[in-house]
Protein backbone atom coordinates (compact mmCIF):
# COMPACT_ATOMS: atom_id res chain seq x y z
CA MET A 1 119.52 83.36 83.81
CA VAL A 2 115.88 84.12 82.47
CA SER A 3 112.33 83.29 82.91
CA LEU A 4 109.85 83.41 80.30
CA ALA A 5 106.50 84.26 82.29
CA PRO A 6 103.27 84.52 80.14
CA SER A 7 101.48 83.59 83.48
CA GLY A 8 104.21 85.07 86.00
CA ARG A 9 103.28 82.82 88.59
CA SER A 10 105.22 80.24 90.97
CA ASP A 11 104.69 78.17 93.96
CA ILE A 12 105.35 79.71 97.29
CA ASP A 13 106.06 79.27 101.09
CA ILE A 14 103.83 81.08 103.56
CA ASP A 15 104.48 81.08 107.50
CA ILE A 16 101.73 82.09 110.13
CA ASP A 17 103.73 81.10 113.36
CA ILE A 18 104.39 77.93 111.88
CA ASP A 19 105.48 76.94 108.62
CA ILE A 20 102.67 76.65 105.75
CA ASP A 21 103.17 75.50 102.57
CA ILE A 22 101.18 76.97 99.95
CA GLU A 23 100.65 76.85 95.99
CA ARG A 24 98.95 79.64 94.06
CA SER A 25 98.55 81.16 90.67
CA VAL A 26 98.86 84.46 88.62
CA SER A 27 97.15 87.74 90.37
CA CYS A 28 94.20 89.35 88.91
CA GLU A 29 95.94 92.30 87.43
CA GLU A 30 98.84 89.74 86.12
CA ARG A 31 96.80 87.74 84.34
CA SER A 32 94.15 90.69 83.13
CA SER A 33 96.90 92.19 80.86
CA ALA A 34 99.16 89.63 80.03
CA ALA A 35 99.12 88.95 75.93
CA PRO A 36 98.50 85.47 74.74
CA SER A 37 102.12 83.87 74.49
CA SER A 38 103.24 80.60 72.93
CA ARG A 39 106.04 80.58 75.64
CA SER A 40 105.36 77.76 77.89
CA PRO A 41 104.68 77.93 81.90
CA ALA A 42 106.99 75.19 82.35
CA THR A 43 110.08 77.50 81.56
CA THR A 44 108.71 79.94 84.23
CA ARG A 45 111.27 79.67 87.45
CA ALA A 46 110.71 81.88 90.55
CA GLY A 47 114.29 83.11 90.86
CA SER A 48 113.50 86.83 90.71
CA SER A 49 113.84 87.65 94.20
CA ARG A 50 113.70 84.74 96.44
CA THR A 51 116.24 82.96 98.54
CA PRO A 52 117.42 79.26 97.99
CA ALA A 53 115.45 78.24 101.36
CA GLU A 54 112.33 79.95 99.61
CA GLU A 55 113.13 78.10 96.50
CA SER A 56 113.15 74.75 98.46
CA THR A 57 109.97 75.46 100.12
CA MET A 58 108.05 76.62 96.88
CA ALA A 59 109.34 73.05 95.56
CA GLN A 60 107.64 71.39 98.61
CA ALA A 61 104.59 73.96 97.97
CA SER A 62 104.14 72.51 94.22
CA ARG A 63 103.29 69.03 95.93
CA GLN A 64 99.93 70.30 97.26
CA HIS A 65 96.67 72.03 96.33
CA THR A 66 95.09 72.82 99.33
CA THR A 67 96.06 75.48 101.81
CA GLY A 68 94.27 76.63 104.99
CA GLY A 69 91.06 74.99 106.55
CA MET A 70 87.70 76.41 107.61
CA THR A 71 85.96 75.54 110.77
CA GLY A 72 82.49 75.90 109.07
CA PRO A 73 81.07 75.37 105.72
CA PRO A 74 81.72 77.96 102.55
CA ARG A 75 79.51 80.45 102.28
CA VAL A 76 81.10 82.34 99.38
CA ALA A 77 83.12 81.16 96.53
CA ILE A 78 85.76 83.10 95.31
CA CYS A 79 87.02 82.72 91.46
CA GLY A 80 90.90 83.80 91.21
CA ALA A 81 93.20 84.18 94.04
CA GLY A 82 95.12 87.38 93.11
CA PRO A 83 95.65 90.25 95.07
CA VAL A 84 91.76 91.22 94.51
CA GLY A 85 90.76 87.61 95.43
CA LEU A 86 92.91 87.35 98.29
CA ALA A 87 91.20 91.05 99.54
CA MET A 88 87.92 89.60 99.14
CA ALA A 89 88.45 86.46 101.22
CA LEU A 90 89.99 88.66 104.20
CA GLU A 91 87.10 91.34 104.20
CA LEU A 92 84.69 88.44 104.16
CA ALA A 93 86.49 86.82 107.36
CA ARG A 94 86.66 90.13 109.01
CA PHE A 95 82.61 89.70 109.31
CA ASP A 96 82.90 86.10 110.08
CA VAL A 97 82.20 84.74 106.76
CA HIS A 98 83.91 81.43 105.65
CA SER A 99 85.03 81.36 101.80
CA ILE A 100 86.60 79.20 99.46
CA VAL A 101 88.75 80.25 97.34
CA PHE A 102 89.51 78.49 93.78
CA GLU A 103 92.57 79.26 91.37
CA ARG A 104 93.71 77.92 87.95
CA HIS A 105 97.55 78.61 88.14
CA PRO A 106 99.96 76.64 90.71
CA GLY A 107 101.99 79.33 92.25
CA THR A 108 101.88 83.04 93.81
CA ALA A 109 103.23 85.71 91.08
CA VAL A 110 106.88 85.76 90.19
CA HIS A 111 107.10 88.66 87.73
CA PRO A 112 106.12 92.04 89.76
CA LYS A 113 103.65 93.76 87.80
CA ALA A 114 101.52 95.37 90.28
CA ARG A 115 103.47 97.53 92.70
CA ASN A 116 101.49 100.52 94.13
CA ILE A 117 99.28 99.54 97.59
CA ASN A 118 97.68 103.08 97.56
CA THR A 119 96.97 105.11 100.96
CA ARG A 120 92.77 104.41 100.53
CA THR A 121 93.96 100.27 99.99
CA MET A 122 95.91 100.28 102.94
CA GLU A 123 93.23 102.08 104.78
CA VAL A 124 91.16 98.86 103.99
CA ALA A 125 94.09 96.68 105.02
CA ARG A 126 94.32 98.32 108.35
CA GLN A 127 90.76 96.63 108.97
CA TRP A 128 92.52 93.15 108.80
CA GLY A 129 94.76 93.62 111.44
CA GLY A 130 98.17 95.42 112.45
CA GLY A 131 100.43 92.36 111.12
CA VAL A 132 99.48 92.92 107.78
CA THR A 133 99.85 96.60 107.45
CA ARG A 134 103.28 96.26 109.04
CA ARG A 135 104.29 93.21 106.86
CA LEU A 136 103.39 95.26 103.86
CA ARG A 137 104.96 98.04 105.15
CA GLU A 138 108.65 95.90 105.28
CA LEU A 139 107.99 95.48 101.63
CA ASP A 140 108.02 99.20 100.86
CA LEU A 141 110.92 101.01 98.82
CA PRO A 142 113.43 102.60 101.28
CA GLU A 143 112.86 106.43 101.97
CA GLY A 144 113.44 109.06 99.10
CA TRP A 145 112.46 106.40 96.00
CA THR A 146 108.69 107.44 96.20
CA ASP A 147 108.66 111.19 96.06
CA GLN A 148 109.32 112.24 92.24
CA ILE A 149 108.84 110.79 88.56
CA VAL A 150 111.50 111.63 86.61
CA TYR A 151 111.40 111.97 82.79
CA THR A 152 114.74 111.54 80.36
CA ARG A 153 115.70 111.10 76.84
CA THR A 154 117.95 108.11 78.71
CA LEU A 155 118.86 107.70 82.23
CA ALA A 156 122.60 109.11 81.28
CA GLY A 157 121.27 111.72 79.02
CA GLU A 158 119.11 114.66 79.03
CA GLU A 159 116.84 115.26 82.00
CA TYR A 160 112.81 116.94 80.45
CA GLY A 161 111.67 117.26 84.18
CA ARG A 162 110.53 116.27 87.46
CA VAL A 163 107.13 115.96 89.11
CA THR A 164 106.56 115.31 92.70
CA THR A 165 104.29 112.43 94.11
CA PRO A 166 102.54 112.94 96.99
CA GLY A 167 99.94 109.97 95.55
CA PHE A 168 103.20 107.65 95.83
CA SER A 169 104.93 109.04 98.81
CA GLY A 170 101.83 109.80 100.83
CA SER A 171 99.54 112.94 101.42
CA GLY A 172 100.29 113.20 105.25
CA ASP A 173 98.61 112.14 108.24
CA HIS A 174 95.98 114.76 108.12
CA LEU A 175 94.43 113.04 105.62
CA SER A 176 94.99 109.40 106.36
CA PRO A 177 96.79 107.32 109.43
CA GLU A 178 98.00 105.02 106.43
CA ARG A 179 100.63 105.61 103.51
CA PRO A 180 101.23 104.00 100.67
CA VAL A 181 103.21 101.03 99.67
CA LEU A 182 105.35 100.66 96.64
CA SER A 183 106.59 96.93 96.27
CA SER A 184 105.87 94.77 93.90
CA GLN A 185 103.15 91.77 93.41
CA ASP A 186 105.72 88.88 94.04
CA ARG A 187 106.15 90.14 97.22
CA PHE A 188 103.19 91.63 98.76
CA GLU A 189 100.78 88.40 97.51
CA PRO A 190 102.44 86.22 100.05
CA VAL A 191 101.27 88.68 102.69
CA LEU A 192 97.75 88.89 101.75
CA LEU A 193 97.39 85.12 101.62
CA ARG A 194 99.29 84.49 104.87
CA ALA A 195 96.44 86.62 106.74
CA ALA A 196 93.88 84.80 104.56
CA ILE A 197 94.59 81.43 105.56
CA GLY A 198 95.49 82.37 109.21
CA SER A 199 92.38 83.54 109.85
CA GLY A 200 90.93 80.44 109.97
CA LYS A 201 87.77 81.25 107.53
CA VAL A 202 89.58 80.89 104.26
CA THR A 203 90.23 77.91 102.13
CA VAL A 204 92.49 78.33 98.77
CA ARG A 205 92.40 75.48 96.17
CA PHE A 206 95.39 75.96 93.93
CA GLY A 207 95.30 74.24 90.50
CA THR A 208 91.64 74.08 90.40
CA GLU A 209 89.84 75.84 87.66
CA VAL A 210 86.24 76.96 87.82
CA ILE A 211 84.19 75.25 84.89
CA ARG A 212 80.92 76.80 85.52
CA ALA A 213 79.02 78.67 88.23
CA ARG A 214 75.19 78.08 87.85
CA ASP A 215 72.86 80.15 89.81
CA GLU A 216 69.94 77.78 90.88
CA HIS A 217 68.03 80.34 92.40
CA ASP A 218 68.73 79.84 96.38
CA HIS A 219 72.25 79.02 95.73
CA VAL A 220 75.00 78.75 93.15
CA ARG A 221 76.46 75.32 92.04
CA VAL A 222 80.57 76.05 91.07
CA ASP A 223 81.65 73.23 89.20
CA VAL A 224 85.85 72.72 89.08
CA ARG A 225 88.22 70.64 87.86
CA ASP A 226 91.77 69.87 89.29
CA ARG A 227 94.12 70.62 86.24
CA SER A 228 96.65 68.06 87.30
CA THR A 229 94.39 65.12 87.61
CA GLY A 230 91.15 66.28 85.57
CA GLU A 231 89.28 65.45 88.61
CA GLU A 232 85.84 67.13 88.65
CA ASP A 233 83.78 68.36 91.91
CA HIS A 234 81.66 71.17 92.79
CA VAL A 235 80.70 73.05 95.57
CA SER A 236 76.83 75.21 96.28
CA VAL A 237 77.08 78.30 98.00
CA PRO A 238 74.94 81.04 98.37
CA TYR A 239 77.22 83.58 96.76
CA VAL A 240 80.09 83.39 93.85
CA ILE A 241 82.77 86.19 93.59
CA ALA A 242 84.18 86.40 90.17
CA ALA A 243 88.09 87.64 90.78
CA ASP A 244 89.29 85.79 87.82
CA GLY A 245 90.96 88.35 85.69
CA ALA A 246 90.48 90.16 82.26
CA ALA A 247 89.99 86.72 80.64
CA SER A 248 87.32 86.17 83.20
CA GLY A 249 85.51 82.86 82.34
CA THR A 250 82.81 83.73 84.63
CA ARG A 251 82.10 86.91 83.12
CA GLU A 252 81.99 85.23 79.80
CA ARG A 253 79.56 82.25 80.94
CA LEU A 254 77.43 85.06 81.94
CA GLY A 255 77.53 86.83 78.87
CA ILE A 256 78.67 90.24 80.10
CA PRO A 257 80.31 92.52 77.55
CA LEU A 258 83.21 94.96 78.45
CA VAL A 259 83.08 98.47 77.07
CA GLY A 260 85.49 100.76 76.42
CA ARG A 261 88.99 100.89 74.36
CA ALA A 262 90.56 97.31 73.63
CA ALA A 263 94.05 97.03 72.98
CA GLY A 264 95.27 100.49 73.42
CA SER A 265 99.11 99.70 73.58
CA HIS A 266 101.20 96.88 73.63
CA ASN A 267 103.92 96.49 76.21
CA ILE A 268 106.55 94.03 77.24
CA ASN A 269 107.58 93.85 81.27
CA VAL A 270 111.19 93.03 82.05
CA HIS A 271 112.10 91.90 85.62
CA PHE A 272 115.81 92.76 85.94
CA ARG A 273 118.82 93.52 88.01
CA ALA A 274 121.34 95.87 86.91
CA ASP A 275 122.90 98.39 89.15
CA LEU A 276 121.92 102.05 87.45
CA ALA A 277 123.05 103.72 90.94
CA PRO A 278 125.07 106.25 89.06
CA TRP A 279 122.04 107.53 87.31
CA THR A 280 119.60 107.26 89.88
CA ASP A 281 121.44 107.68 93.26
CA GLN A 282 121.10 111.38 93.37
CA ARG A 283 117.58 111.70 91.93
CA ARG A 284 115.71 108.74 93.42
CA GLY A 285 112.25 108.51 92.14
CA VAL A 286 109.57 105.87 91.98
CA MET A 287 109.53 105.87 88.25
CA TYR A 288 112.05 106.77 85.17
CA TRP A 289 110.47 107.23 82.11
CA VAL A 290 112.57 107.56 78.92
CA ALA A 291 112.10 108.54 75.21
CA ASP A 292 113.99 109.15 72.24
CA ALA A 293 113.87 108.67 68.63
CA GLY A 294 113.98 104.77 69.29
CA HIS A 295 112.93 104.30 72.66
CA ARG A 296 109.92 104.58 74.74
CA GLY A 297 109.22 102.96 77.99
CA VAL A 298 109.95 103.41 82.05
CA PHE A 299 112.20 101.76 84.63
CA GLN A 300 110.67 101.29 87.94
CA PRO A 301 112.67 100.47 91.40
CA LEU A 302 111.55 97.46 93.33
CA ASP A 303 113.54 97.57 96.32
CA GLY A 304 116.17 100.42 95.94
CA ALA A 305 118.98 97.98 95.61
CA GLY A 306 119.46 97.37 91.89
CA THR A 307 116.21 95.08 91.39
CA TRP A 308 113.93 96.76 88.92
CA LEU A 309 111.15 96.68 86.36
CA CYS A 310 110.80 98.20 82.90
CA GLN A 311 108.21 98.51 80.45
CA ILE A 312 109.07 98.61 76.71
CA SER A 313 106.61 99.90 74.03
CA TYR A 314 106.18 97.72 70.86
CA ASP A 315 103.47 98.02 68.10
CA GLY A 316 101.53 94.60 68.82
CA ASN A 317 103.18 92.37 66.19
CA PRO A 318 103.30 88.72 67.74
CA VAL A 319 106.67 88.15 65.93
CA VAL A 320 108.10 91.40 67.65
CA ARG A 321 106.68 90.09 71.13
CA ASP A 322 107.93 86.64 70.64
CA SER A 323 111.39 88.42 69.73
CA PHE A 324 112.06 90.04 72.75
CA SER A 325 114.25 87.15 74.56
CA ALA A 326 116.83 88.46 77.01
CA GLU A 327 119.18 89.24 75.07
CA ARG A 328 116.83 92.00 73.19
CA CYS A 329 115.31 93.09 76.38
CA THR A 330 119.40 93.39 77.52
CA ALA A 331 120.09 95.37 74.35
CA TRP A 332 117.17 97.64 74.91
CA ILE A 333 118.04 98.24 78.65
CA ARG A 334 121.59 99.64 78.01
CA GLN A 335 120.09 101.83 75.01
CA ALA A 336 117.61 102.99 77.16
CA VAL A 337 119.63 103.73 80.30
CA GLY A 338 122.73 104.92 77.63
CA GLU A 339 125.36 102.69 78.79
CA PRO A 340 126.44 99.95 75.99
CA GLU A 341 128.54 98.03 78.79
CA LEU A 342 125.98 97.69 81.80
CA ASP A 343 125.69 94.65 83.04
CA VAL A 344 121.94 92.93 83.09
CA ASP A 345 120.65 90.29 84.60
CA VAL A 346 117.29 89.81 82.97
CA LEU A 347 115.10 87.48 85.46
CA SER A 348 111.90 87.71 83.64
CA ILE A 349 109.47 88.76 80.78
CA SER A 350 106.09 89.16 80.25
CA PRO A 351 103.87 90.78 77.51
CA TRP A 352 100.80 92.66 78.34
CA VAL A 353 98.19 94.31 76.50
CA MET A 354 96.95 97.93 78.02
CA ASN A 355 93.05 97.77 77.94
CA VAL A 356 90.27 100.61 79.20
CA LEU A 357 87.34 98.57 79.62
CA VAL A 358 84.78 98.33 81.94
CA ALA A 359 82.03 95.22 82.43
CA GLU A 360 78.51 96.67 81.67
CA ARG A 361 77.38 94.94 84.55
CA PHE A 362 79.02 94.06 88.29
CA ARG A 363 76.08 91.15 89.35
CA VAL A 364 74.23 88.96 87.82
CA GLY A 365 72.11 87.29 90.32
CA ARG A 366 74.27 85.70 93.22
CA VAL A 367 77.52 86.35 90.98
CA PHE A 368 79.47 89.48 91.65
CA LEU A 369 82.57 90.54 89.63
CA VAL A 370 85.18 92.35 91.32
CA GLY A 371 89.11 93.22 89.90
CA ASP A 372 89.97 92.83 86.46
CA ALA A 373 87.23 90.51 85.61
CA ALA A 374 84.81 93.90 85.99
CA HIS A 375 87.32 97.10 84.92
CA GLN A 376 90.90 97.10 83.09
CA MET A 377 92.81 99.84 82.93
CA PRO A 378 96.22 101.29 82.39
CA PRO A 379 98.72 101.24 85.16
CA THR A 380 99.46 104.71 84.94
CA GLY A 381 98.51 105.48 88.33
CA GLY A 382 98.51 102.08 89.88
CA PHE A 383 94.65 102.35 90.11
CA GLY A 384 93.79 98.90 88.62
CA MET A 385 94.26 96.49 91.70
CA ASN A 386 93.30 99.07 94.13
CA THR A 387 90.01 100.02 92.60
CA GLY A 388 89.51 96.12 92.76
CA ILE A 389 90.18 95.74 96.54
CA GLN A 390 88.54 98.93 97.32
CA SER A 391 85.38 97.02 95.29
CA ALA A 392 85.77 94.10 97.85
CA HIS A 393 85.71 96.21 100.58
CA ASN A 394 82.38 97.91 99.60
CA LEU A 395 81.03 94.53 98.68
CA ALA A 396 81.88 92.09 101.77
CA TRP A 397 79.91 93.81 104.08
CA LYS A 398 76.88 93.93 102.34
CA LEU A 399 77.18 89.95 101.42
CA ALA A 400 77.49 89.24 105.27
CA ALA A 401 74.39 91.27 105.90
CA ALA A 402 72.41 89.30 103.36
CA LEU A 403 73.94 86.09 104.74
CA ASP A 404 72.86 87.22 108.15
CA GLY A 405 69.44 87.80 106.71
CA VAL A 406 69.67 91.68 107.84
CA ALA A 407 69.89 93.34 104.53
CA GLY A 408 67.14 94.21 102.62
CA PRO A 409 66.61 93.99 98.58
CA GLU A 410 68.79 97.28 97.54
CA LEU A 411 71.97 96.18 99.81
CA LEU A 412 73.58 94.10 97.01
CA ASP A 413 71.91 96.24 94.24
CA SER A 414 74.41 99.12 95.56
CA PHE A 415 77.43 97.29 95.13
CA GLU A 416 77.11 98.14 91.28
CA HIS A 417 75.42 101.62 91.63
CA GLU A 418 78.02 102.45 93.73
CA ARG A 419 81.42 100.84 91.93
CA ARG A 420 80.58 100.78 88.63
CA PRO A 421 80.92 104.77 88.37
CA VAL A 422 84.37 104.75 90.42
CA ALA A 423 85.81 101.97 88.09
CA ALA A 424 84.84 103.80 84.97
CA SER A 425 86.36 107.11 86.27
CA ASN A 426 89.44 105.59 87.30
CA ALA A 427 90.23 103.99 83.98
CA GLN A 428 89.52 107.17 82.28
CA ARG A 429 92.10 109.08 84.45
CA SER A 430 94.55 106.14 84.03
CA PHE A 431 93.85 106.36 80.18
CA ASP A 432 94.70 110.32 80.68
CA ASN A 433 97.84 109.33 82.88
CA SER A 434 99.07 107.32 80.11
CA ARG A 435 98.09 110.03 77.28
CA SER A 436 99.84 112.56 79.29
CA VAL A 437 103.45 110.18 79.41
CA TRP A 438 102.98 109.73 76.04
CA ALA A 439 102.77 113.29 75.06
CA VAL A 440 106.28 113.90 76.69
CA ALA A 441 107.75 111.32 74.32
CA GLN A 442 106.32 113.17 71.57
CA ALA A 443 107.81 116.40 72.70
CA GLY A 444 111.01 114.59 73.12
CA ARG A 445 111.07 113.42 69.62
CA GLY A 446 110.15 117.02 68.27
CA GLU A 447 106.34 115.46 67.65
CA HIS A 448 104.27 117.41 69.72
CA PRO A 449 100.76 118.36 68.12
CA ASP A 450 100.93 121.67 70.04
CA GLY A 451 104.46 122.46 69.72
CA LEU A 452 105.35 122.07 73.62
CA THR A 453 108.75 121.21 74.60
CA PRO A 454 109.60 118.03 76.87
CA ARG A 455 109.89 120.44 79.87
CA GLU A 456 106.58 122.04 78.58
CA ALA A 457 104.80 118.60 78.66
CA VAL A 458 106.29 116.95 81.81
CA ALA A 459 104.64 120.11 83.43
CA ARG A 460 101.50 119.17 81.75
CA ALA A 461 101.92 115.69 83.44
CA HIS A 462 101.52 116.79 86.77
CA ARG A 463 98.19 114.77 87.66
CA TYR A 464 100.22 111.41 87.35
CA GLY A 465 101.32 110.90 90.81
CA ASN A 466 98.98 113.84 92.43
CA PHE A 467 95.55 112.38 92.74
CA ALA A 468 94.32 112.69 96.41
CA GLY A 469 90.78 113.80 94.89
CA MET A 470 90.61 110.41 92.64
CA GLU A 471 91.85 108.33 95.60
CA PHE A 472 89.68 109.72 98.38
CA GLY A 473 87.05 111.75 96.96
CA HIS A 474 84.70 109.12 94.82
CA VAL A 475 81.16 109.86 96.04
CA TYR A 476 78.29 107.39 96.27
CA ASP A 477 74.90 108.22 95.21
CA SER A 478 72.83 104.94 95.57
CA ALA A 479 69.73 103.95 97.23
CA VAL A 480 70.86 103.07 100.63
CA ILE A 481 72.63 106.65 101.17
CA THR A 482 70.43 109.17 103.01
CA SER A 483 71.07 112.52 101.85
CA ASP A 484 71.38 115.62 104.01
CA GLY A 485 70.82 117.98 101.63
CA SER A 486 74.28 119.48 101.93
CA PRO A 487 75.82 120.58 98.84
CA LEU A 488 78.66 118.72 97.20
CA PRO A 489 82.09 120.07 97.57
CA THR A 490 83.80 121.96 94.73
CA PRO A 491 87.67 121.14 94.58
CA ALA A 492 89.89 123.05 92.30
CA ASP A 493 90.81 120.02 90.62
CA PRO A 494 88.74 116.69 91.14
CA VAL A 495 91.56 114.36 90.52
CA GLU A 496 94.04 116.33 92.57
CA ASP A 497 92.26 118.13 95.46
CA TYR A 498 90.46 116.39 98.04
CA VAL A 499 88.04 118.04 100.15
CA PRO A 500 87.43 116.06 103.58
CA VAL A 501 83.67 116.24 104.43
CA ALA A 502 81.34 114.00 106.06
CA ARG A 503 78.55 114.61 103.93
CA PRO A 504 76.49 111.48 103.32
CA GLY A 505 78.21 109.18 100.17
CA HIS A 506 81.60 110.29 101.25
CA ARG A 507 84.48 108.71 102.61
CA ALA A 508 84.39 109.53 106.51
CA PRO A 509 87.22 111.85 107.08
CA HIS A 510 90.09 110.85 109.06
CA ALA A 511 90.72 112.27 112.24
CA TRP A 512 92.65 111.38 115.78
CA ILE A 513 90.17 110.91 118.46
CA THR A 514 90.83 109.21 122.10
CA GLN A 515 88.89 106.48 123.00
CA ARG A 516 88.90 104.83 126.64
CA GLY A 517 92.33 106.60 126.75
CA ARG A 518 93.45 105.57 123.77
CA PRO A 519 94.21 107.51 120.26
CA MET A 520 92.29 105.98 117.08
CA SER A 521 91.56 107.30 113.65
CA THR A 522 87.90 107.76 113.26
CA LEU A 523 88.44 105.23 110.23
CA ASP A 524 88.78 102.50 112.82
CA THR A 525 85.44 102.92 114.07
CA VAL A 526 84.25 100.77 111.91
CA ARG A 527 86.36 97.66 112.45
CA HIS A 528 83.59 95.69 113.60
CA GLY A 529 80.56 97.22 111.73
CA PHE A 530 78.35 100.38 111.41
CA ALA A 531 79.22 102.99 113.59
CA LEU A 532 77.65 106.36 115.17
CA VAL A 533 80.50 109.27 115.25
CA CYS A 534 78.16 111.76 117.85
CA SER A 535 78.28 114.67 119.86
CA GLY A 536 77.99 113.63 123.78
CA VAL A 537 74.28 114.46 123.84
CA ARG A 538 73.08 111.09 125.42
CA PRO A 539 70.02 110.13 122.85
CA TRP A 540 72.35 109.55 120.55
CA VAL A 541 74.05 106.57 122.47
CA ALA A 542 70.69 104.85 123.25
CA LEU A 543 69.53 105.10 119.54
CA ALA A 544 72.74 103.86 118.72
CA ALA A 545 72.07 100.88 120.86
CA GLU A 546 68.86 100.40 119.70
CA HIS A 547 69.83 99.69 116.18
CA ASP A 548 72.75 97.56 116.48
CA VAL A 549 75.31 100.29 116.08
CA ARG A 550 78.19 101.16 117.95
CA PRO A 551 78.30 104.98 119.41
CA TYR A 552 81.76 107.22 119.74
CA VAL A 553 81.16 110.07 121.21
CA ILE A 554 83.65 112.86 120.13
CA ASP A 555 84.98 115.51 122.73
CA ASP A 556 87.31 117.24 120.20
CA PRO A 557 85.45 120.14 118.73
CA THR A 558 87.78 120.34 115.70
CA VAL A 559 86.58 116.78 114.77
CA ARG A 560 82.91 117.55 115.44
CA THR A 561 83.23 120.75 113.12
CA ALA A 562 84.94 118.75 110.42
CA TYR A 563 82.05 116.01 110.53
CA GLY A 564 79.70 118.82 110.59
CA ILE A 565 77.81 117.98 113.62
CA GLY A 566 78.84 120.78 115.99
CA ASP A 567 78.05 120.12 119.82
CA THR A 568 74.68 118.32 119.22
CA GLY A 569 74.59 116.32 115.91
CA ALA A 570 76.00 112.54 114.66
CA VAL A 571 77.36 110.68 111.70
CA LEU A 572 76.43 106.98 110.70
CA ILE A 573 79.24 105.73 109.14
CA ARG A 574 79.09 102.24 107.32
CA PRO A 575 81.17 99.09 107.54
CA ASP A 576 83.48 100.26 104.56
CA GLY A 577 84.12 103.86 106.06
CA TYR A 578 81.45 105.77 103.97
CA VAL A 579 79.04 107.88 105.30
CA ALA A 580 75.41 106.72 105.35
CA ALA A 581 73.66 109.43 106.86
CA ARG A 582 74.41 112.91 109.15
CA TRP A 583 72.31 114.51 111.36
CA PRO A 584 73.46 118.09 112.25
CA HIS A 585 71.23 118.90 115.08
CA ASP A 586 70.35 117.28 118.62
CA PRO A 587 68.04 114.21 118.62
CA GLY A 588 65.19 116.58 119.99
CA ARG A 589 65.02 117.97 116.17
CA THR A 590 65.87 114.61 114.72
CA THR A 591 63.58 112.02 115.79
CA ALA A 592 64.02 108.44 116.45
CA ALA A 593 61.93 107.63 113.29
CA ASP A 594 64.37 109.44 111.12
CA VAL A 595 67.35 107.70 112.57
CA ARG A 596 65.49 104.27 112.17
CA ALA A 597 64.79 104.90 108.71
CA ALA A 598 68.11 105.79 107.76
CA VAL A 599 70.11 102.74 109.37
CA GLN A 600 67.52 100.61 107.55
CA ARG A 601 67.90 102.25 104.15
CA ALA A 602 71.65 101.88 104.75
CA ARG A 603 71.17 98.24 105.40
CA GLY A 604 69.04 98.07 102.09
CA TRP A 605 65.34 98.62 102.89
CA SER A 606 63.79 101.45 101.46
């Protein structure tokens, strides 16, 4: 049985030690790329991967609108409860900031569009507690399914080649204490929601759309409407986060234009069940790209047990889009597999448009854009949702500082200065991946402009799935970073290669250290705020205490060398894990005034 899923959402049940019924709606990444559709959301069912018991609790969830409850008034309103909006709420809760989340749709995603929670995002999730990362890992594909991308004419036909993919399987614990999770959006959104409402600092209101957010100088008035009753209400908060997707009403009302390439390609996502084991078990992969004279698309395993997502390219004609019934999708799947009698159970169908767009601004006054409201990019590499969550990670601690009255005027400005270049770069690199896949399809049809064979085109697509530099190597160059004058590292390939370095503006390198007899990652030092990773020279500890910074004395000379502090220096790390300042020498050569100035600059006071 098929569900037509223009919104891709459903009601869902979540538990936090006790059962809590909830409802929510389309994720930012789902909404962002879904093309307009005449299919009614009422025809959508949540039958894709839910048990009968879950179906029952989802029916219960559909009868209520508010999930969770705060012990204090909200300080931030979040428009949109997709993965990025929920991550924003979790990050704010980490800093004891209460938030209210408004979501216009009635339930969580049923269509599994986003799949990849990359390593850097798992590092972010690590700060939300071990329960979150443990539950996410439980959703990961079984071992062996994330090691390579396979390119073929059809699944049963000629194989063009393979590319190993450490970007999806993990780059190793020498680079990170975490590894990616490959799952599906309909499965991992409930984990984020469970954690958010379990914090006691988040309320989520489903079926509630934001009508307007009006900046009134010292606060923002947010007017909302209950979509089932038409009743209107409002809240007043110091700040608003727009995580309401590509068609963000908040962004549009602020008059922020998008720049880049719109409607780069048109696609149909099909969520289905089929036994593809005869063509995949001996060459398990995170994706199987198929391309022949009549078909171009990709098969993506969701659980390693027969549940799949495929993408079908089409020409953008609305008539063609609407013609993709369950029968037509089944016919395409059979032809792309190369097995005309294949038993296919189509679960849901969702059209979407590939954009390469970035908002001209990420902030207007007290309103900030994150996720697809701020940037839209091809899914090739899975950077859309991940870029959004990492932007939330960058912003939350800054908002908390502003709400606590300790942030200078430059701290909130630094959000756009730091994250917009990252979004623009990730969008372009994702588009490059998309073009490299298209080149394989051209070669498969004998139409490559440079005359490449399919195998040669596959070899050129090596960056897709190999992106450690793109994931960990972005550098912030803003007014809240104190330069130490050291040169930038020069990796052989800035996309594939990552050079760990504790230079100001870089992600602090991961290393295992021992504190109070227990191992921990250097990335865990900032769980509660700023950290000073330092040598054992006594004045560093006193300086840290003076500025409300937690010191971590490093005994391991290998780690001290990796951080560039030798036997006497120190590194100041921000709450988002990025280096704010570094002093390679002891406090005798670095004055207390130098440290004070760097800490103040990191908090937005120049």
